[in-house]
Amino acid sequence: MAAYPAPQTYRPAIVGSRYMAATGHALATAAAVRILEGGGNATDAGVAAGLCINVLQPDMTNLGGVAPIILYNAREGAVRTISGLGSWPAATDPEYFARECGGAIPVGVRRCVMPAAADAWLTALGRYGTLPLAEVAAPAIALAEGGFAAYNFLCQNIADEAEGLARWPSSAAVFLPGGRPPHPGERFVQADLGRTLRMLVEAEAGAGGGGREAAIRAARDRFYRGDIAERIAAFHAEQGSWLTLDDLGAFSVEIESPVSVRYRGYDVLGCRPWCQGPTALEALSILEGYDLAAHGQGSPEALHLILEALKAAFADRERFYGDPRFVDVPIDGLLHPEYAAAWRDRIDPRRASSGMPEAGDPWRYGGGGLATAAVAAPRAFDAPVEPDTSFLCVVDEWGNTFAATPSDGGGASPIIPGLGFIVSGRGVQSWLDPAHPSAIAPGKRPRLTPNPGLIMRDGRVFAPYGTPGLDVQPQAMVQLVVNMIDFGMEPQAAIEAPRVASFSFPASTHPHPYQPGLVRTESRIPAETLAELERLGHRVERWPDWAAQAGALCTVVADPGRGFLTGAADPRRMAYAMGW
């Protein structure tokens, strides 16, 4: 009699035939399912989930924050990205932080860039969705106005930031009701945020003729040019911000084609270098030249090669990435197979680089352009980073696919009274060094860490994927891809496998700490494996067995041959998958 052993995972495989959603919170996933059951497509469901994530995870995301998106539209047969990232205001003084803040970029309105998530959600919905905003926003409005049960991760993050949140009465009113952080199980209400979402729905309803897309555009205009924009600008002016009503009116997100690499017969796609999206792609391009499967999943040899490929990609990220509207980024060269081969010639399979290696010369492989000016050598030091970011992805029965990485927790800048959201504090991921490709400049976007990804095979969607985790994001994403493609692991097992992460490069978030040679590893990795990594020259520090800092991956994997979709979600946080 055949034996069918139980899967060795903490979450079961979630398999459906019609649709699948996986997001950073179970209620957001449930909202996506409601929209799909109501006839909506993946974009309708993804935007509904994203708005719910802005409500359910205000410690990590925000309606006025960032929300980069990658999607596949089956009607067009094309992958598109939506930038979902704000730019510095026109009046920004790049010298201010060095002159007035001692070289720091403190929390508050002076680090704020344009609020982009609202535009990203509404642009995606108008262009690629099918349902009205009123229907798509209904679950988020219900959660904001009626509240939801506060959960441990949210409560801990608020408690950790309580002192900072208390400095702003408008933020304290939301995050510290009754003068203290919420306790798990208490009802967490955001009435002002619910009211703002209703204002957008009212604008849609009052748009008159012109069709669904024009009505959604009216909601967008109320946020960026109407009374919502006026309240944002007035409050920020009171607080000493550079942001103005003219800045808001001139801002818009960008719809673009993605960048991609070929990896073992799959096309792996990501957002352009206004974010760190190409980092995972470059690392995979390097890794394609190694026979990882021969080494075995979780082996010290495989982990060493993964870490060294990531360090190479991070070295290039540090040297070349910046807002492409301001910086000539050699992206074609960075992702060229021959450039990956040049990196493999530099990587020692028997010895770890002691710090961040020197960047390569991608101009030779991409053509054109001038070498970016040299930046100062990084200084080694450690510093705390701020928790933020979530992730969501949806695949529908027609093959449409939507993935987004919303971010910007509520502690970065004050909540706008009466509106219930903050303006993105993502300026903290810019550099004060004017020679750096991601230096602060008026109208320029910081180099963003959130970066959703998509894997295609033979022109069809294989899997959207992504995670929170700042600079760990591309590292967790690479390990998921390798686990599924090289090692043949099922999606849930591939997510749950213990992870490693390098910190041997300047972090994206100011003050950009740099810890040469440091690798953090989950403690489930066998001691003998860690000892071998140390023998190879890695400086190993242990995380707990299941570390939230290691990311919280979600994915939906399509099996067109059998007609199934498999959803997987990371137990390291509160992510959840559902489908039918």
Protein backbone atom coordinates (compact mmCIF):
# COMPACT_ATOMS: atom_id res chain seq x y z
CA MET A 1 0.00 0.00 0.00
CA ALA A 2 1.36 3.43 -0.94
CA ALA A 3 2.52 5.75 1.84
CA TYR A 4 1.78 9.48 1.68
CA PRO A 5 3.80 11.23 4.38
CA ALA A 6 2.45 14.44 5.84
CA PRO A 7 4.12 17.64 4.53
CA GLN A 8 6.87 18.87 6.83
CA THR A 9 5.58 22.42 7.10
CA TYR A 10 3.93 24.48 9.81
CA ARG A 11 1.27 25.72 7.40
CA PRO A 12 -0.60 23.43 5.00
CA ALA A 13 -0.43 23.93 1.25
CA ILE A 14 -3.40 26.07 0.16
CA VAL A 15 -4.42 24.84 -3.29
CA GLY A 16 -7.25 26.13 -5.46
CA SER A 17 -8.41 26.02 -9.05
CA ARG A 18 -9.99 29.47 -9.56
CA TYR A 19 -7.99 32.07 -7.65
CA MET A 20 -5.49 32.52 -4.84
CA ALA A 21 -4.37 35.38 -2.59
CA ALA A 22 -1.54 35.60 -0.07
CA THR A 23 -1.02 38.73 2.00
CA GLY A 24 0.60 40.05 5.17
CA HIS A 25 -2.60 39.67 7.23
CA ALA A 26 -5.41 37.10 7.12
CA LEU A 27 -8.16 39.74 7.01
CA ALA A 28 -6.57 41.42 3.99
CA THR A 29 -6.43 38.02 2.31
CA ALA A 30 -10.10 37.50 3.17
CA ALA A 31 -10.92 40.89 1.62
CA ALA A 32 -9.20 39.84 -1.62
CA VAL A 33 -11.26 36.63 -1.63
CA ARG A 34 -14.49 38.64 -1.15
CA ILE A 35 -13.66 40.79 -4.16
CA LEU A 36 -12.77 37.77 -6.30
CA GLU A 37 -15.98 36.02 -5.32
CA GLY A 38 -17.85 39.17 -6.31
CA GLY A 39 -16.48 38.96 -9.85
CA GLY A 40 -13.46 41.23 -9.50
CA ASN A 41 -10.11 40.48 -11.06
CA ALA A 42 -6.66 40.23 -9.47
CA THR A 43 -6.10 44.00 -9.55
CA ASP A 44 -9.47 44.71 -7.92
CA ALA A 45 -8.65 42.15 -5.23
CA GLY A 46 -5.05 43.32 -4.86
CA VAL A 47 -6.06 46.94 -4.35
CA ALA A 48 -8.74 45.88 -1.84
CA ALA A 49 -6.12 43.88 0.04
CA GLY A 50 -3.63 46.75 -0.16
CA LEU A 51 -6.09 49.24 1.31
CA CYS A 52 -6.85 46.72 4.06
CA ILE A 53 -3.12 46.29 4.74
CA ASN A 54 -2.88 50.08 5.15
CA VAL A 55 -5.56 49.76 7.85
CA LEU A 56 -4.46 46.48 9.45
CA GLN A 57 -0.71 47.20 9.52
CA PRO A 58 -0.40 50.93 10.22
CA ASP A 59 2.84 50.27 12.08
CA MET A 60 4.39 49.11 8.80
CA THR A 61 2.35 50.63 5.94
CA ASN A 62 0.25 53.70 5.17
CA LEU A 63 -2.21 55.15 2.67
CA GLY A 64 0.19 58.10 2.38
CA GLY A 65 3.24 55.86 2.18
CA VAL A 66 4.72 53.83 -0.68
CA ALA A 67 3.25 50.92 -2.64
CA PRO A 68 5.33 49.65 -5.58
CA ILE A 69 3.35 47.24 -7.75
CA ILE A 70 4.10 44.62 -10.39
CA LEU A 71 1.22 43.07 -12.33
CA TYR A 72 0.40 40.90 -15.31
CA ASN A 73 -2.61 41.92 -17.36
CA ALA A 74 -3.96 38.94 -19.28
CA ARG A 75 -5.87 41.12 -21.75
CA GLU A 76 -2.72 42.94 -22.80
CA GLY A 77 -0.46 39.94 -22.29
CA ALA A 78 2.07 42.24 -20.62
CA VAL A 79 3.80 42.81 -17.30
CA ARG A 80 3.79 46.35 -15.94
CA THR A 81 5.15 48.02 -12.82
CA ILE A 82 3.71 51.02 -10.98
CA SER A 83 6.34 53.00 -9.12
CA GLY A 84 4.30 53.82 -5.99
CA LEU A 85 7.17 55.97 -4.67
CA GLY A 86 7.17 59.68 -3.89
CA SER A 87 9.78 62.29 -4.74
CA TRP A 88 11.36 64.98 -2.58
CA PRO A 89 9.43 68.30 -2.64
CA ALA A 90 10.56 71.02 -5.03
CA ALA A 91 11.74 73.26 -2.16
CA THR A 92 13.93 70.57 -0.56
CA ASP A 93 17.27 71.88 0.71
CA PRO A 94 19.80 69.03 0.28
CA GLU A 95 22.20 70.71 2.72
CA TYR A 96 19.65 71.07 5.51
CA PHE A 97 20.30 67.78 7.31
CA ALA A 98 24.05 68.26 7.41
CA ARG A 99 23.76 71.93 8.38
CA GLU A 100 20.90 71.81 10.90
CA CYS A 101 20.68 68.19 12.07
CA GLY A 102 24.30 67.21 12.57
CA GLY A 103 24.21 64.80 9.63
CA ALA A 104 21.07 62.97 10.80
CA ILE A 105 17.73 62.57 9.01
CA PRO A 106 15.40 62.68 12.02
CA VAL A 107 11.80 61.52 12.10
CA GLY A 108 9.28 64.18 11.18
CA VAL A 109 8.00 66.11 8.19
CA ARG A 110 11.39 67.17 6.81
CA ARG A 111 12.12 63.58 5.71
CA CYS A 112 8.80 63.32 3.86
CA VAL A 113 8.48 62.66 0.16
CA MET A 114 5.23 62.73 -1.81
CA PRO A 115 2.52 60.32 -0.59
CA ALA A 116 2.41 57.68 -3.32
CA ALA A 117 0.42 54.65 -2.13
CA ALA A 118 -2.99 56.25 -2.76
CA ASP A 119 -1.97 57.13 -6.31
CA ALA A 120 -0.55 53.64 -6.89
CA TRP A 121 -3.72 51.90 -5.69
CA LEU A 122 -6.03 54.20 -7.68
CA THR A 123 -3.89 54.14 -10.83
CA ALA A 124 -3.81 50.35 -10.78
CA LEU A 125 -7.53 50.11 -10.13
CA GLY A 126 -8.46 52.61 -12.83
CA ARG A 127 -6.19 51.18 -15.50
CA TYR A 128 -6.31 47.43 -14.80
CA GLY A 129 -9.29 46.80 -12.50
CA THR A 130 -12.96 46.25 -13.32
CA LEU A 131 -14.88 47.29 -10.21
CA PRO A 132 -15.70 50.71 -8.73
CA LEU A 133 -13.64 52.07 -5.86
CA ALA A 134 -16.72 51.98 -3.62
CA GLU A 135 -16.80 48.19 -3.81
CA VAL A 136 -13.04 47.70 -3.62
CA ALA A 137 -12.58 50.06 -0.63
CA ALA A 138 -15.56 48.72 1.36
CA PRO A 139 -13.59 46.10 3.37
CA ALA A 140 -10.91 48.63 4.36
CA ILE A 141 -13.52 51.19 5.40
CA ALA A 142 -15.23 48.58 7.56
CA LEU A 143 -11.95 47.63 9.24
CA ALA A 144 -10.97 51.27 9.83
CA GLU A 145 -14.32 52.42 11.21
CA GLY A 146 -15.37 49.25 13.04
CA GLY A 147 -11.89 48.28 14.13
CA PHE A 148 -10.15 44.93 14.33
CA ALA A 149 -8.48 42.90 17.06
CA ALA A 150 -5.00 44.24 17.80
CA TYR A 151 -2.42 41.48 17.45
CA ASN A 152 0.94 40.86 19.11
CA PHE A 153 3.21 42.09 16.31
CA LEU A 154 1.30 45.36 15.96
CA CYS A 155 1.15 45.92 19.71
CA GLN A 156 4.87 45.24 20.13
CA ASN A 157 5.84 47.60 17.32
CA ILE A 158 3.66 50.39 18.76
CA ALA A 159 5.07 49.79 22.25
CA ASP A 160 8.62 49.98 20.88
CA GLU A 161 7.85 53.32 19.22
CA ALA A 162 5.53 54.70 21.90
CA GLU A 163 7.86 57.46 23.03
CA GLY A 164 8.24 58.79 19.51
CA LEU A 165 4.56 58.47 18.69
CA ALA A 166 3.65 60.41 21.83
CA ARG A 167 5.44 63.53 20.52
CA TRP A 168 2.60 64.08 18.01
CA PRO A 169 -0.91 64.40 19.50
CA SER A 170 -2.54 63.28 16.24
CA SER A 171 -0.45 60.09 16.18
CA ALA A 172 -0.86 59.42 19.88
CA ALA A 173 -4.66 59.62 19.49
CA VAL A 174 -4.56 56.69 17.05
CA PHE A 175 -1.68 54.56 18.33
CA LEU A 176 -1.84 55.28 22.06
CA PRO A 177 -5.55 55.39 22.92
CA GLY A 178 -6.01 56.07 26.62
CA GLY A 179 -2.34 57.06 26.80
CA ARG A 180 -0.85 53.60 26.21
CA PRO A 181 -0.17 51.12 23.41
CA PRO A 182 -3.01 48.72 22.63
CA HIS A 183 -2.98 45.27 24.14
CA PRO A 184 -3.49 42.13 22.04
CA GLY A 185 -7.18 41.46 21.54
CA GLU A 186 -8.30 45.05 22.07
CA ARG A 187 -10.27 46.76 19.30
CA PHE A 188 -8.07 49.05 17.19
CA VAL A 189 -10.10 51.77 15.46
CA GLN A 190 -8.99 54.38 12.87
CA ALA A 191 -12.11 56.48 12.34
CA ASP A 192 -10.34 59.34 10.54
CA LEU A 193 -8.72 56.97 8.05
CA GLY A 194 -12.10 55.41 7.38
CA ARG A 195 -13.53 58.87 6.78
CA THR A 196 -10.76 59.68 4.29
CA LEU A 197 -11.50 56.50 2.34
CA ARG A 198 -15.17 57.49 2.31
CA MET A 199 -14.18 60.89 0.91
CA LEU A 200 -12.47 59.15 -2.00
CA VAL A 201 -15.57 57.05 -2.62
CA GLU A 202 -17.73 60.21 -2.49
CA ALA A 203 -15.53 61.81 -5.15
CA GLU A 204 -15.96 58.75 -7.33
CA ALA A 205 -19.74 58.84 -6.91
CA GLY A 206 -19.90 62.55 -7.72
CA ALA A 207 -17.79 62.38 -10.85
CA GLY A 208 -20.74 62.28 -13.22
CA GLY A 209 -20.16 60.92 -16.73
CA GLY A 210 -16.96 59.63 -18.25
CA GLY A 211 -17.02 56.03 -17.08
CA ARG A 212 -15.39 54.01 -14.31
CA GLU A 213 -11.80 55.08 -14.92
CA ALA A 214 -12.71 58.77 -14.98
CA ALA A 215 -14.63 58.35 -11.71
CA ILE A 216 -11.63 56.74 -10.04
CA ARG A 217 -9.47 59.55 -11.40
CA ALA A 218 -11.81 62.00 -9.65
CA ALA A 219 -11.11 60.21 -6.38
CA ARG A 220 -7.40 60.45 -7.08
CA ASP A 221 -7.69 64.18 -7.84
CA ARG A 222 -9.47 64.79 -4.55
CA PHE A 223 -6.47 63.30 -2.77
CA TYR A 224 -3.79 65.18 -4.72
CA ARG A 225 -5.54 68.39 -5.83
CA GLY A 226 -8.71 68.74 -3.79
CA ASP A 227 -9.62 69.27 -0.16
CA ILE A 228 -7.59 66.27 1.05
CA ALA A 229 -4.49 67.74 -0.61
CA GLU A 230 -5.22 71.12 0.93
CA ARG A 231 -5.35 69.59 4.41
CA ILE A 232 -2.12 67.67 3.82
CA ALA A 233 -0.32 70.80 2.62
CA ALA A 234 -1.70 73.04 5.37
CA PHE A 235 -0.69 70.66 8.16
CA HIS A 236 2.76 70.13 6.69
CA ALA A 237 3.25 73.86 6.35
CA GLU A 238 2.41 74.25 10.05
CA GLN A 239 4.99 71.56 10.89
CA GLY A 240 7.76 73.15 8.80
CA SER A 241 7.69 70.73 5.87
CA TRP A 242 8.93 71.52 2.37
CA LEU A 243 5.85 69.85 0.87
CA THR A 244 3.33 72.16 -0.82
CA LEU A 245 -0.01 71.94 -2.57
CA ASP A 246 1.78 72.48 -5.88
CA ASP A 247 4.02 69.48 -5.16
CA LEU A 248 0.99 67.28 -4.57
CA GLY A 249 -0.76 68.51 -7.70
CA ALA A 250 2.27 67.85 -9.88
CA PHE A 251 2.98 64.37 -8.53
CA SER A 252 2.04 61.10 -10.21
CA VAL A 253 3.31 57.54 -10.13
CA GLU A 254 4.81 55.96 -13.25
CA ILE A 255 3.64 52.89 -15.20
CA GLU A 256 6.69 51.15 -16.67
CA SER A 257 7.95 47.91 -18.14
CA PRO A 258 9.91 45.72 -15.69
CA VAL A 259 13.51 44.58 -15.83
CA SER A 260 14.23 40.86 -16.01
CA VAL A 261 16.80 38.07 -16.10
CA ARG A 262 16.62 34.49 -17.33
CA TYR A 263 17.11 31.90 -14.58
CA ARG A 264 17.12 28.20 -15.47
CA GLY A 265 14.32 28.58 -18.04
CA TYR A 266 12.28 31.06 -15.99
CA ASP A 267 12.00 34.81 -16.51
CA VAL A 268 12.36 36.64 -13.20
CA LEU A 269 11.04 40.21 -13.31
CA GLY A 270 11.26 43.18 -10.98
CA CYS A 271 10.91 46.95 -10.72
CA ARG A 272 13.52 49.34 -12.06
CA PRO A 273 16.43 50.83 -10.03
CA TRP A 274 14.42 53.58 -8.37
CA CYS A 275 14.12 50.66 -5.93
CA GLN A 276 16.38 47.73 -5.10
CA GLY A 277 14.34 45.37 -7.31
CA PRO A 278 17.21 44.57 -9.71
CA THR A 279 19.40 43.42 -6.79
CA ALA A 280 17.70 40.02 -6.55
CA LEU A 281 17.78 39.68 -10.32
CA GLU A 282 21.51 40.35 -10.55
CA ALA A 283 22.23 37.87 -7.74
CA LEU A 284 20.18 35.21 -9.55
CA SER A 285 22.00 35.95 -12.80
CA ILE A 286 25.29 35.29 -11.00
CA LEU A 287 23.95 32.14 -9.33
CA GLU A 288 22.79 30.63 -12.62
CA GLY A 289 26.41 29.78 -13.37
CA TYR A 290 26.69 27.52 -10.32
CA ASP A 291 25.26 24.03 -9.86
CA LEU A 292 23.52 24.77 -6.57
CA ALA A 293 21.46 21.58 -6.74
CA ALA A 294 24.64 19.51 -6.63
CA HIS A 295 25.58 21.10 -3.31
CA GLY A 296 22.17 20.53 -1.70
CA GLN A 297 19.64 22.82 -0.10
CA GLY A 298 20.94 24.49 3.05
CA SER A 299 24.47 23.22 2.56
CA PRO A 300 27.34 25.54 3.55
CA GLU A 301 28.60 25.49 -0.05
CA ALA A 302 25.24 26.62 -1.46
CA LEU A 303 24.70 29.23 1.26
CA HIS A 304 28.19 30.60 0.71
CA LEU A 305 27.61 31.06 -3.02
CA ILE A 306 24.21 32.69 -2.39
CA LEU A 307 25.73 35.11 0.12
CA GLU A 308 28.65 36.03 -2.14
CA ALA A 309 26.36 36.58 -5.14
CA LEU A 310 24.17 38.82 -3.01
CA LYS A 311 27.19 40.79 -1.76
CA ALA A 312 28.21 41.35 -5.38
CA ALA A 313 24.74 42.61 -6.29
CA PHE A 314 24.64 44.86 -3.21
CA ALA A 315 28.03 46.32 -4.14
CA ASP A 316 26.58 47.32 -7.51
CA ARG A 317 23.42 48.61 -5.86
CA GLU A 318 25.53 50.91 -3.70
CA ARG A 319 27.60 52.12 -6.64
CA PHE A 320 25.00 52.61 -9.36
CA TYR A 321 21.36 52.66 -8.21
CA GLY A 322 19.41 55.91 -8.09
CA ASP A 323 16.33 57.56 -9.52
CA PRO A 324 16.72 56.94 -13.29
CA ARG A 325 15.25 60.37 -13.98
CA PHE A 326 18.39 61.83 -12.34
CA VAL A 327 21.01 59.07 -12.64
CA ASP A 328 22.22 57.10 -15.66
CA VAL A 329 21.96 53.58 -14.22
CA PRO A 330 23.70 50.90 -16.35
CA ILE A 331 20.84 48.47 -15.83
CA ASP A 332 21.35 46.54 -19.09
CA GLY A 333 24.95 45.88 -18.16
CA LEU A 334 24.15 44.99 -14.55
CA LEU A 335 21.74 42.27 -15.69
CA HIS A 336 23.78 41.02 -18.68
CA PRO A 337 24.78 37.31 -18.54
CA GLU A 338 28.39 38.12 -19.42
CA TYR A 339 28.57 40.59 -16.54
CA ALA A 340 27.32 37.84 -14.23
CA ALA A 341 30.10 35.61 -15.54
CA ALA A 342 32.63 38.35 -14.78
CA TRP A 343 31.39 38.41 -11.19
CA ARG A 344 31.72 34.62 -10.92
CA ASP A 345 35.37 34.97 -11.93
CA ARG A 346 35.81 37.26 -8.90
CA ILE A 347 33.90 35.15 -6.36
CA ASP A 348 35.99 32.64 -4.41
CA PRO A 349 33.98 29.45 -3.73
CA ARG A 350 36.33 28.68 -0.83
CA ARG A 351 36.55 32.08 0.86
CA ALA A 352 34.12 34.86 1.75
CA SER A 353 34.96 38.42 0.82
CA SER A 354 35.87 40.25 4.02
CA GLY A 355 33.51 43.15 3.32
CA MET A 356 31.58 44.63 0.45
CA PRO A 357 33.56 43.93 -2.71
CA GLU A 358 34.42 46.62 -5.22
CA ALA A 359 31.63 47.21 -7.73
CA GLY A 360 32.13 45.86 -11.22
CA ASP A 361 32.16 47.60 -14.60
CA PRO A 362 28.70 47.00 -16.10
CA TRP A 363 29.17 49.72 -18.74
CA ARG A 364 31.23 47.26 -20.81
CA TYR A 365 28.19 45.01 -21.18
CA GLY A 366 25.31 47.45 -21.54
CA GLY A 367 26.77 50.08 -23.84
CA GLY A 368 26.65 53.85 -23.55
CA GLY A 369 26.71 55.96 -20.45
CA LEU A 370 29.43 57.41 -18.31
CA ALA A 371 30.84 55.92 -15.14
CA THR A 372 29.13 57.22 -12.01
CA ALA A 373 31.33 59.43 -9.81
CA ALA A 374 33.05 57.55 -7.02
CA VAL A 375 31.43 57.66 -3.61
CA ALA A 376 33.18 57.65 -0.26
CA ALA A 377 34.24 54.25 1.09
CA PRO A 378 31.67 53.01 3.63
CA ARG A 379 32.46 53.28 7.32
CA ALA A 380 31.82 50.18 9.44
CA PHE A 381 29.27 50.66 12.24
CA ASP A 382 25.93 49.33 13.49
CA ALA A 383 22.66 51.20 14.08
CA PRO A 384 19.03 50.25 14.69
CA VAL A 385 16.56 50.30 11.79
CA GLU A 386 12.86 51.10 11.81
CA PRO A 387 10.34 48.25 11.27
CA ASP A 388 8.06 48.59 8.26
CA THR A 389 6.61 47.02 5.11
CA SER A 390 4.17 44.28 4.15
CA PHE A 391 3.41 42.32 1.00
CA LEU A 392 0.44 40.95 -0.94
CA CYS A 393 -0.16 38.99 -4.13
CA VAL A 394 -3.20 37.71 -6.03
CA VAL A 395 -3.74 35.49 -9.09
CA ASP A 396 -7.24 35.23 -10.56
CA GLU A 397 -9.01 32.64 -12.73
CA TRP A 398 -8.18 34.56 -15.94
CA GLY A 399 -4.45 34.62 -15.22
CA ASN A 400 -4.27 38.25 -14.14
CA THR A 401 -1.67 38.72 -11.42
CA PHE A 402 -1.04 41.51 -8.93
CA ALA A 403 1.73 41.95 -6.36
CA ALA A 404 2.59 44.94 -4.17
CA THR A 405 4.93 45.80 -1.32
CA PRO A 406 3.26 48.62 0.66
CA SER A 407 5.27 50.34 3.36
CA ASP A 408 5.91 53.35 5.62
CA GLY A 409 4.86 52.81 9.21
CA GLY A 410 3.10 55.47 11.23
CA GLY A 411 6.12 56.45 13.31
CA ALA A 412 8.02 58.12 10.46
CA SER A 413 6.04 61.38 10.49
CA PRO A 414 2.92 62.74 12.24
CA ILE A 415 -0.56 61.59 11.33
CA ILE A 416 -2.46 64.40 9.62
CA PRO A 417 -5.31 65.40 11.95
CA GLY A 418 -8.70 64.47 10.59
CA LEU A 419 -7.26 62.34 7.76
CA GLY A 420 -5.75 59.46 9.72
CA PHE A 421 -2.62 58.82 7.67
CA ILE A 422 0.96 60.02 7.46
CA VAL A 423 2.93 61.33 4.50
CA SER A 424 5.76 58.99 3.49
CA GLY A 425 8.95 59.37 5.49
CA ARG A 426 10.85 57.41 2.85
CA GLY A 427 13.36 60.25 2.45
CA VAL A 428 15.29 58.36 5.13
CA GLN A 429 16.48 56.09 2.30
CA SER A 430 18.37 58.91 0.61
CA TRP A 431 22.04 59.81 1.09
CA LEU A 432 23.55 63.07 2.35
CA ASP A 433 26.71 62.52 0.27
CA PRO A 434 26.06 64.58 -2.90
CA ALA A 435 28.24 62.18 -4.92
CA HIS A 436 26.04 59.20 -4.09
CA PRO A 437 23.65 58.14 -6.89
CA SER A 438 20.80 58.23 -4.35
CA ALA A 439 21.71 61.63 -2.89
CA ILE A 440 18.90 63.98 -1.84
CA ALA A 441 17.71 66.38 -4.56
CA PRO A 442 14.47 68.29 -5.20
CA GLY A 443 12.07 66.17 -7.25
CA LYS A 444 14.22 63.06 -6.89
CA ARG A 445 13.04 59.76 -5.47
CA PRO A 446 14.99 57.95 -2.72
CA ARG A 447 16.21 54.44 -3.48
CA LEU A 448 13.37 52.32 -2.17
CA THR A 449 13.75 48.94 -0.45
CA PRO A 450 10.22 47.54 -1.15
CA ASN A 451 10.28 45.61 -4.43
CA PRO A 452 7.63 43.09 -5.50
CA GLY A 453 8.68 40.39 -7.95
CA LEU A 454 7.14 38.14 -10.59
CA ILE A 455 8.33 34.88 -12.18
CA MET A 456 7.15 33.87 -15.65
CA ARG A 457 7.64 30.65 -17.61
CA ASP A 458 6.96 30.24 -21.32
CA GLY A 459 5.10 33.53 -21.35
CA ARG A 460 2.75 32.56 -18.51
CA VAL A 461 2.71 33.54 -14.87
CA PHE A 462 4.57 31.12 -12.64
CA ALA A 463 4.57 33.09 -9.36
CA PRO A 464 4.30 36.58 -7.90
CA TYR A 465 6.45 36.83 -4.78
CA GLY A 466 7.85 39.27 -2.25
CA THR A 467 8.39 40.12 1.39
CA PRO A 468 8.94 42.88 3.92
CA GLY A 469 12.38 43.18 5.49
CA LEU A 470 14.30 46.26 4.27
CA ASP A 471 17.65 45.05 2.83
CA VAL A 472 16.75 41.45 3.63
CA GLN A 473 13.99 41.57 1.00
CA PRO A 474 16.05 40.60 -2.06
CA GLN A 475 17.95 38.07 0.02
CA ALA A 476 14.81 36.26 1.16
CA MET A 477 13.41 36.50 -2.38
CA VAL A 478 16.53 34.93 -3.90
CA GLN A 479 16.41 32.08 -1.38
CA LEU A 480 12.74 31.43 -2.19
CA VAL A 481 13.48 31.29 -5.94
CA VAL A 482 16.47 29.00 -5.42
CA ASN A 483 14.53 26.74 -3.05
CA MET A 484 11.69 26.28 -5.54
CA ILE A 485 13.62 26.14 -8.83
CA ASP A 486 17.02 24.66 -7.92
CA PHE A 487 15.94 22.41 -5.06
CA GLY A 488 12.40 21.56 -6.19
CA MET A 489 10.78 22.49 -2.90
CA GLU A 490 7.04 23.03 -2.58
CA PRO A 491 6.17 26.73 -2.06
CA GLN A 492 5.30 26.52 1.65
CA ALA A 493 8.38 24.47 2.46
CA ALA A 494 10.51 26.84 0.38
CA ILE A 495 9.22 29.78 2.44
CA GLU A 496 9.66 28.05 5.78
CA ALA A 497 13.24 26.88 5.14
CA PRO A 498 15.69 28.68 7.46
CA ARG A 499 17.35 31.76 5.98
CA VAL A 500 20.60 33.65 6.01
CA ALA A 501 21.18 37.35 5.34
CA SER A 502 24.29 39.40 4.69
CA PHE A 503 24.82 42.85 6.18
CA SER A 504 28.16 43.39 4.46
CA PHE A 505 27.11 46.58 2.65
CA PRO A 506 25.76 50.01 3.64
CA ALA A 507 22.10 49.67 4.61
CA SER A 508 19.48 51.53 2.61
CA THR A 509 18.13 53.39 5.63
CA HIS A 510 20.00 56.36 7.11
CA PRO A 511 22.53 56.39 8.73
CA HIS A 512 23.37 53.48 6.42
CA PRO A 513 25.11 51.13 8.88
CA TYR A 514 27.70 48.80 7.37
CA GLN A 515 28.84 45.58 9.06
CA PRO A 516 31.62 43.98 7.00
CA GLY A 517 31.44 40.22 6.72
CA LEU A 518 28.37 39.89 8.96
CA VAL A 519 25.86 37.14 8.21
CA ARG A 520 22.79 36.64 10.37
CA THR A 521 21.28 33.16 10.32
CA GLU A 522 18.21 31.55 11.77
CA SER A 523 19.16 29.17 14.55
CA ARG A 524 17.42 26.22 12.90
CA ILE A 525 20.41 25.95 10.58
CA PRO A 526 22.61 23.11 11.91
CA ALA A 527 25.58 24.12 14.03
CA GLU A 528 28.00 22.29 11.75
CA THR A 529 26.75 24.30 8.76
CA LEU A 530 27.28 27.56 10.62
CA ALA A 531 30.73 26.43 11.70
CA GLU A 532 31.65 25.77 8.07
CA LEU A 533 30.37 29.21 7.05
CA GLU A 534 32.62 30.69 9.72
CA ARG A 535 35.55 28.62 8.43
CA LEU A 536 34.87 30.10 4.98
CA GLY A 537 35.26 33.57 6.49
CA HIS A 538 31.70 34.66 7.25
CA ARG A 539 31.12 36.40 10.60
CA VAL A 540 28.02 34.57 11.83
CA GLU A 541 25.45 35.90 14.30
CA ARG A 542 22.34 33.92 15.16
CA TRP A 543 18.74 35.04 14.94
CA PRO A 544 15.97 33.11 16.74
CA ASP A 545 14.61 29.97 15.08
CA TRP A 546 11.82 31.93 13.35
CA ALA A 547 13.01 35.52 12.94
CA ALA A 548 10.63 38.25 11.83
CA GLN A 549 13.75 40.12 10.68
CA ALA A 550 14.31 37.36 8.10
CA GLY A 551 11.26 38.51 6.16
CA ALA A 552 7.70 37.31 5.67
CA LEU A 553 7.46 35.88 2.17
CA CYS A 554 4.23 35.27 0.31
CA THR A 555 3.75 33.67 -3.09
CA VAL A 556 1.15 32.10 -5.37
CA VAL A 557 2.52 29.40 -7.69
CA ALA A 558 0.62 28.44 -10.83
CA ASP A 559 0.57 24.89 -12.22
CA PRO A 560 -1.12 25.36 -15.61
CA GLY A 561 -0.75 21.69 -16.50
CA ARG A 562 -2.96 20.60 -13.62
CA GLY A 563 -4.94 23.81 -13.40
CA PHE A 564 -4.05 24.53 -9.78
CA LEU A 565 -2.81 27.57 -7.86
CA THR A 566 -0.84 27.07 -4.64
CA GLY A 567 -0.67 29.84 -2.06
CA ALA A 568 2.06 30.02 0.56
CA ALA A 569 2.55 32.48 3.42
CA ASP A 570 5.29 32.96 5.98
CA PRO A 571 4.65 31.92 9.60
CA ARG A 572 7.44 34.27 10.74
CA ARG A 573 4.79 37.01 10.88
CA MET A 574 1.00 37.02 10.43
CA ALA A 575 0.84 36.37 6.67
CA TYR A 576 -1.90 34.10 5.33
CA ALA A 577 -3.00 32.51 2.04
CA MET A 578 -6.53 31.64 0.91
CA GLY A 579 -8.09 30.54 -2.35
CA TRP A 580 -10.68 28.44 -4.11
